[in-house]
Amino acid sequence: MGKDLLVLSFSARVENIRVARSCIRTFLGLKKVDEDEIFKIELALNEAIANIIEHTYKY
């Protein structure tokens, strides 16, 4: 069974969090991931990216 890989690259700007979440939601939806799991993944992604921007780039 092949594995799918999703690679995203964005500039470290808060407004790009929404874009990243949208990309992940679409990708996971195409993979038929349960809606509750998609929500949890989006929430974790949002927090992780926000922390990276805040603590790495001192936004």
PDB file of N, CA and C in Angstrom:
ATOM      1  N   MET A   1       0.848  -1.176   0.000  1.00  0.00           N
ATOM      2  CA  MET A   1       0.000   0.000   0.000  1.00  0.00           C
ATOM      3  C   MET A   1       0.893   1.238   0.000  1.00  0.00           C
ATOM      4  N   GLY A   2       0.663   2.152  -0.916  1.00  0.00           N
ATOM      5  CA  GLY A   2       1.460   3.372  -1.012  1.00  0.00           C
ATOM      6  C   GLY A   2       1.077   4.381   0.051  1.00  0.00           C
ATOM      7  N   LYS A   3       2.036   5.172   0.410  1.00  0.00           N
ATOM      8  CA  LYS A   3       1.786   6.229   1.392  1.00  0.00           C
ATOM      9  C   LYS A   3       1.754   7.562   0.674  1.00  0.00           C
ATOM     10  N   ASP A   4       0.809   8.383   1.069  1.00  0.00           N
ATOM     11  CA  ASP A   4       0.708   9.721   0.503  1.00  0.00           C
ATOM     12  C   ASP A   4       1.491  10.687   1.373  1.00  0.00           C
ATOM     13  N   LEU A   5       2.113  11.631   0.732  1.00  0.00           N
ATOM     14  CA  LEU A   5       2.908  12.630   1.435  1.00  0.00           C
ATOM     15  C   LEU A   5       2.389  14.005   1.049  1.00  0.00           C
ATOM     16  N   LEU A   6       2.162  14.827   2.035  1.00  0.00           N
ATOM     17  CA  LEU A   6       1.744  16.204   1.807  1.00  0.00           C
ATOM     18  C   LEU A   6       2.831  17.107   2.362  1.00  0.00           C
ATOM     19  N   VAL A   7       3.388  17.938   1.513  1.00  0.00           N
ATOM     20  CA  VAL A   7       4.437  18.864   1.924  1.00  0.00           C
ATOM     21  C   VAL A   7       3.925  20.279   1.699  1.00  0.00           C
ATOM     22  N   LEU A   8       3.954  21.080   2.749  1.00  0.00           N
ATOM     23  CA  LEU A   8       3.497  22.465   2.670  1.00  0.00           C
ATOM     24  C   LEU A   8       4.625  23.384   3.108  1.00  0.00           C
ATOM     25  N   SER A   9       4.698  24.526   2.488  1.00  0.00           N
ATOM     26  CA  SER A   9       5.696  25.523   2.870  1.00  0.00           C
ATOM     27  C   SER A   9       5.042  26.899   2.811  1.00  0.00           C
ATOM     28  N   PHE A  10       5.112  27.613   3.930  1.00  0.00           N
ATOM     29  CA  PHE A  10       4.503  28.932   4.027  1.00  0.00           C
ATOM     30  C   PHE A  10       5.464  29.879   4.716  1.00  0.00           C
ATOM     31  N   SER A  11       5.302  31.161   4.460  1.00  0.00           N
ATOM     32  CA  SER A  11       6.054  32.139   5.243  1.00  0.00           C
ATOM     33  C   SER A  11       5.448  32.180   6.651  1.00  0.00           C
ATOM     34  N   ALA A  12       6.249  32.552   7.623  1.00  0.00           N
ATOM     35  CA  ALA A  12       5.830  32.546   9.029  1.00  0.00           C
ATOM     36  C   ALA A  12       4.964  33.761   9.338  1.00  0.00           C
ATOM     37  N   ARG A  13       3.740  33.704   8.860  1.00  0.00           N
ATOM     38  CA  ARG A  13       2.783  34.784   9.082  1.00  0.00           C
ATOM     39  C   ARG A  13       1.501  34.171   9.637  1.00  0.00           C
ATOM     40  N   VAL A  14       0.931  34.826  10.618  1.00  0.00           N
ATOM     41  CA  VAL A  14      -0.261  34.311  11.285  1.00  0.00           C
ATOM     42  C   VAL A  14      -1.381  34.014  10.289  1.00  0.00           C
ATOM     43  N   GLU A  15      -1.541  34.849   9.293  1.00  0.00           N
ATOM     44  CA  GLU A  15      -2.637  34.637   8.342  1.00  0.00           C
ATOM     45  C   GLU A  15      -2.474  33.356   7.528  1.00  0.00           C
ATOM     46  N   ASN A  16      -1.278  32.788   7.492  1.00  0.00           N
ATOM     47  CA  ASN A  16      -1.073  31.539   6.757  1.00  0.00           C
ATOM     48  C   ASN A  16      -1.532  30.310   7.534  1.00  0.00           C
ATOM     49  N   ILE A  17      -1.837  30.465   8.805  1.00  0.00           N
ATOM     50  CA  ILE A  17      -2.365  29.342   9.582  1.00  0.00           C
ATOM     51  C   ILE A  17      -3.670  28.861   8.959  1.00  0.00           C
ATOM     52  N   ARG A  18      -4.514  29.784   8.568  1.00  0.00           N
ATOM     53  CA  ARG A  18      -5.792  29.429   7.948  1.00  0.00           C
ATOM     54  C   ARG A  18      -5.574  28.652   6.648  1.00  0.00           C
ATOM     55  N   VAL A  19      -4.596  29.063   5.870  1.00  0.00           N
ATOM     56  CA  VAL A  19      -4.287  28.381   4.609  1.00  0.00           C
ATOM     57  C   VAL A  19      -3.813  26.956   4.889  1.00  0.00           C
ATOM     58  N   ALA A  20      -2.936  26.797   5.869  1.00  0.00           N
ATOM     59  CA  ALA A  20      -2.426  25.470   6.227  1.00  0.00           C
ATOM     60  C   ALA A  20      -3.561  24.562   6.697  1.00  0.00           C
ATOM     61  N   ARG A  21      -4.446  25.091   7.538  1.00  0.00           N
ATOM     62  CA  ARG A  21      -5.587  24.296   8.011  1.00  0.00           C
ATOM     63  C   ARG A  21      -6.475  23.863   6.858  1.00  0.00           C
ATOM     64  N   SER A  22      -6.707  24.753   5.920  1.00  0.00           N
ATOM     65  CA  SER A  22      -7.539  24.430   4.767  1.00  0.00           C
ATOM     66  C   SER A  22      -6.907  23.317   3.926  1.00  0.00           C
ATOM     67  N   CYS A  23      -5.606  23.406   3.724  1.00  0.00           N
ATOM     68  CA  CYS A  23      -4.895  22.373   2.958  1.00  0.00           C
ATOM     69  C   CYS A  23      -4.991  21.018   3.649  1.00  0.00           C
ATOM     70  N   ILE A  24      -4.776  21.011   4.962  1.00  0.00           N
ATOM     71  CA  ILE A  24      -4.847  19.762   5.725  1.00  0.00           C
ATOM     72  C   ILE A  24      -6.256  19.194   5.688  1.00  0.00           C
ATOM     73  N   ARG A  25      -7.258  20.060   5.872  1.00  0.00           N
ATOM     74  CA  ARG A  25      -8.656  19.606   5.853  1.00  0.00           C
ATOM     75  C   ARG A  25      -8.995  18.960   4.510  1.00  0.00           C
ATOM     76  N   THR A  26      -8.590  19.589   3.424  1.00  0.00           N
ATOM     77  CA  THR A  26      -8.862  19.043   2.095  1.00  0.00           C
ATOM     78  C   THR A  26      -8.162  17.704   1.905  1.00  0.00           C
ATOM     79  N   PHE A  27      -6.882  17.649   2.258  1.00  0.00           N
ATOM     80  CA  PHE A  27      -6.099  16.421   2.117  1.00  0.00           C
ATOM     81  C   PHE A  27      -6.722  15.278   2.915  1.00  0.00           C
ATOM     82  N   LEU A  28      -7.032  15.535   4.182  1.00  0.00           N
ATOM     83  CA  LEU A  28      -7.603  14.490   5.029  1.00  0.00           C
ATOM     84  C   LEU A  28      -9.003  14.091   4.571  1.00  0.00           C
ATOM     85  N   GLY A  29      -9.759  15.048   4.067  1.00  0.00           N
ATOM     86  CA  GLY A  29     -11.076  14.736   3.527  1.00  0.00           C
ATOM     87  C   GLY A  29     -10.992  13.799   2.337  1.00  0.00           C
ATOM     88  N   LEU A  30     -10.020  14.030   1.473  1.00  0.00           N
ATOM     89  CA  LEU A  30      -9.804  13.150   0.322  1.00  0.00           C
ATOM     90  C   LEU A  30      -9.391  11.748   0.761  1.00  0.00           C
ATOM     91  N   LYS A  31      -8.764  11.657   1.917  1.00  0.00           N
ATOM     92  CA  LYS A  31      -8.329  10.366   2.465  1.00  0.00           C
ATOM     93  C   LYS A  31      -9.421   9.715   3.310  1.00  0.00           C
ATOM     94  N   LYS A  32     -10.600  10.331   3.333  1.00  0.00           N
ATOM     95  CA  LYS A  32     -11.766   9.810   4.057  1.00  0.00           C
ATOM     96  C   LYS A  32     -11.539   9.698   5.568  1.00  0.00           C
ATOM     97  N   VAL A  33     -10.785  10.643   6.117  1.00  0.00           N
ATOM     98  CA  VAL A  33     -10.561  10.683   7.564  1.00  0.00           C
ATOM     99  C   VAL A  33     -11.832  11.199   8.232  1.00  0.00           C
ATOM    100  N   ASP A  34     -12.170  10.616   9.360  1.00  0.00           N
ATOM    101  CA  ASP A  34     -13.352  10.984  10.125  1.00  0.00           C
ATOM    102  C   ASP A  34     -13.324  12.472  10.496  1.00  0.00           C
ATOM    103  N   GLU A  35     -14.473  13.113  10.441  1.00  0.00           N
ATOM    104  CA  GLU A  35     -14.584  14.549  10.706  1.00  0.00           C
ATOM    105  C   GLU A  35     -14.081  14.936  12.099  1.00  0.00           C
ATOM    106  N   ASP A  36     -14.351  14.105  13.094  1.00  0.00           N
ATOM    107  CA  ASP A  36     -13.849  14.394  14.447  1.00  0.00           C
ATOM    108  C   ASP A  36     -12.325  14.377  14.486  1.00  0.00           C
ATOM    109  N   GLU A  37     -11.721  13.443  13.776  1.00  0.00           N
ATOM    110  CA  GLU A  37     -10.260  13.366  13.721  1.00  0.00           C
ATOM    111  C   GLU A  37      -9.679  14.561  12.966  1.00  0.00           C
ATOM    112  N   ILE A  38     -10.347  14.967  11.900  1.00  0.00           N
ATOM    113  CA  ILE A  38      -9.891  16.141  11.151  1.00  0.00           C
ATOM    114  C   ILE A  38      -9.886  17.365  12.064  1.00  0.00           C
ATOM    115  N   PHE A  39     -10.941  17.527  12.842  1.00  0.00           N
ATOM    116  CA  PHE A  39     -11.019  18.662  13.766  1.00  0.00           C
ATOM    117  C   PHE A  39      -9.852  18.649  14.754  1.00  0.00           C
ATOM    118  N   LYS A  40      -9.572  17.480  15.328  1.00  0.00           N
ATOM    119  CA  LYS A  40      -8.478  17.361  16.300  1.00  0.00           C
ATOM    120  C   LYS A  40      -7.126  17.674  15.657  1.00  0.00           C
ATOM    121  N   ILE A  41      -6.926  17.190  14.451  1.00  0.00           N
ATOM    122  CA  ILE A  41      -5.668  17.440  13.740  1.00  0.00           C
ATOM    123  C   ILE A  41      -5.536  18.919  13.406  1.00  0.00           C
ATOM    124  N   GLU A  42      -6.624  19.532  12.944  1.00  0.00           N
ATOM    125  CA  GLU A  42      -6.601  20.973  12.653  1.00  0.00           C
ATOM    126  C   GLU A  42      -6.265  21.787  13.902  1.00  0.00           C
ATOM    127  N   LEU A  43      -6.848  21.418  15.020  1.00  0.00           N
ATOM    128  CA  LEU A  43      -6.598  22.119  16.274  1.00  0.00           C
ATOM    129  C   LEU A  43      -5.125  22.006  16.678  1.00  0.00           C
ATOM    130  N   ALA A  44      -4.579  20.805  16.583  1.00  0.00           N
ATOM    131  CA  ALA A  44      -3.168  20.595  16.921  1.00  0.00           C
ATOM    132  C   ALA A  44      -2.259  21.348  15.958  1.00  0.00           C
ATOM    133  N   LEU A  45      -2.593  21.319  14.679  1.00  0.00           N
ATOM    134  CA  LEU A  45      -1.812  22.033  13.672  1.00  0.00           C
ATOM    135  C   LEU A  45      -1.828  23.533  13.947  1.00  0.00           C
ATOM    136  N   ASN A  46      -2.994  24.060  14.243  1.00  0.00           N
ATOM    137  CA  ASN A  46      -3.131  25.482  14.539  1.00  0.00           C
ATOM    138  C   ASN A  46      -2.222  25.884  15.704  1.00  0.00           C
ATOM    139  N   GLU A  47      -2.269  25.113  16.774  1.00  0.00           N
ATOM    140  CA  GLU A  47      -1.458  25.409  17.959  1.00  0.00           C
ATOM    141  C   GLU A  47       0.035  25.289  17.653  1.00  0.00           C
ATOM    142  N   ALA A  48       0.413  24.252  16.928  1.00  0.00           N
ATOM    143  CA  ALA A  48       1.830  24.045  16.604  1.00  0.00           C
ATOM    144  C   ALA A  48       2.380  25.180  15.746  1.00  0.00           C
ATOM    145  N   ILE A  49       1.645  25.557  14.717  1.00  0.00           N
ATOM    146  CA  ILE A  49       2.118  26.627  13.834  1.00  0.00           C
ATOM    147  C   ILE A  49       2.165  27.961  14.577  1.00  0.00           C
ATOM    148  N   ALA A  50       1.138  28.242  15.364  1.00  0.00           N
ATOM    149  CA  ALA A  50       1.125  29.491  16.134  1.00  0.00           C
ATOM    150  C   ALA A  50       2.321  29.551  17.083  1.00  0.00           C
ATOM    151  N   ASN A  51       2.642  28.430  17.723  1.00  0.00           N
ATOM    152  CA  ASN A  51       3.798  28.392  18.623  1.00  0.00           C
ATOM    153  C   ASN A  51       5.106  28.585  17.872  1.00  0.00           C
ATOM    154  N   ILE A  52       5.220  27.979  16.712  1.00  0.00           N
ATOM    155  CA  ILE A  52       6.432  28.150  15.903  1.00  0.00           C
ATOM    156  C   ILE A  52       6.612  29.618  15.539  1.00  0.00           C
ATOM    157  N   ILE A  53       5.542  30.233  15.078  1.00  0.00           N
ATOM    158  CA  ILE A  53       5.621  31.643  14.681  1.00  0.00           C
ATOM    159  C   ILE A  53       5.959  32.518  15.890  1.00  0.00           C
ATOM    160  N   GLU A  54       5.275  32.288  16.997  1.00  0.00           N
ATOM    161  CA  GLU A  54       5.478  33.133  18.182  1.00  0.00           C
ATOM    162  C   GLU A  54       6.865  32.954  18.798  1.00  0.00           C
ATOM    163  N   HIS A  55       7.295  31.722  18.966  1.00  0.00           N
ATOM    164  CA  HIS A  55       8.520  31.465  19.720  1.00  0.00           C
ATOM    165  C   HIS A  55       9.782  31.413  18.866  1.00  0.00           C
ATOM    166  N   THR A  56       9.640  31.114  17.592  1.00  0.00           N
ATOM    167  CA  THR A  56      10.818  31.047  16.728  1.00  0.00           C
ATOM    168  C   THR A  56      11.090  32.379  16.055  1.00  0.00           C
ATOM    169  N   TYR A  57      10.038  32.999  15.578  1.00  0.00           N
ATOM    170  CA  TYR A  57      10.202  34.227  14.810  1.00  0.00           C
ATOM    171  C   TYR A  57       9.856  35.476  15.602  1.00  0.00           C
ATOM    172  N   LYS A  58       9.477  35.306  16.868  1.00  0.00           N
ATOM    173  CA  LYS A  58       9.171  36.433  17.762  1.00  0.00           C
ATOM    174  C   LYS A  58       8.164  37.396  17.149  1.00  0.00           C
ATOM    175  N   TYR A  59       7.097  36.820  16.564  1.00  0.00           N
ATOM    176  CA  TYR A  59       6.058  37.609  15.907  1.00  0.00           C
ATOM    177  C   TYR A  59       5.376  38.513  16.885  1.00  0.00           C
TER     178      TYR A  59
END
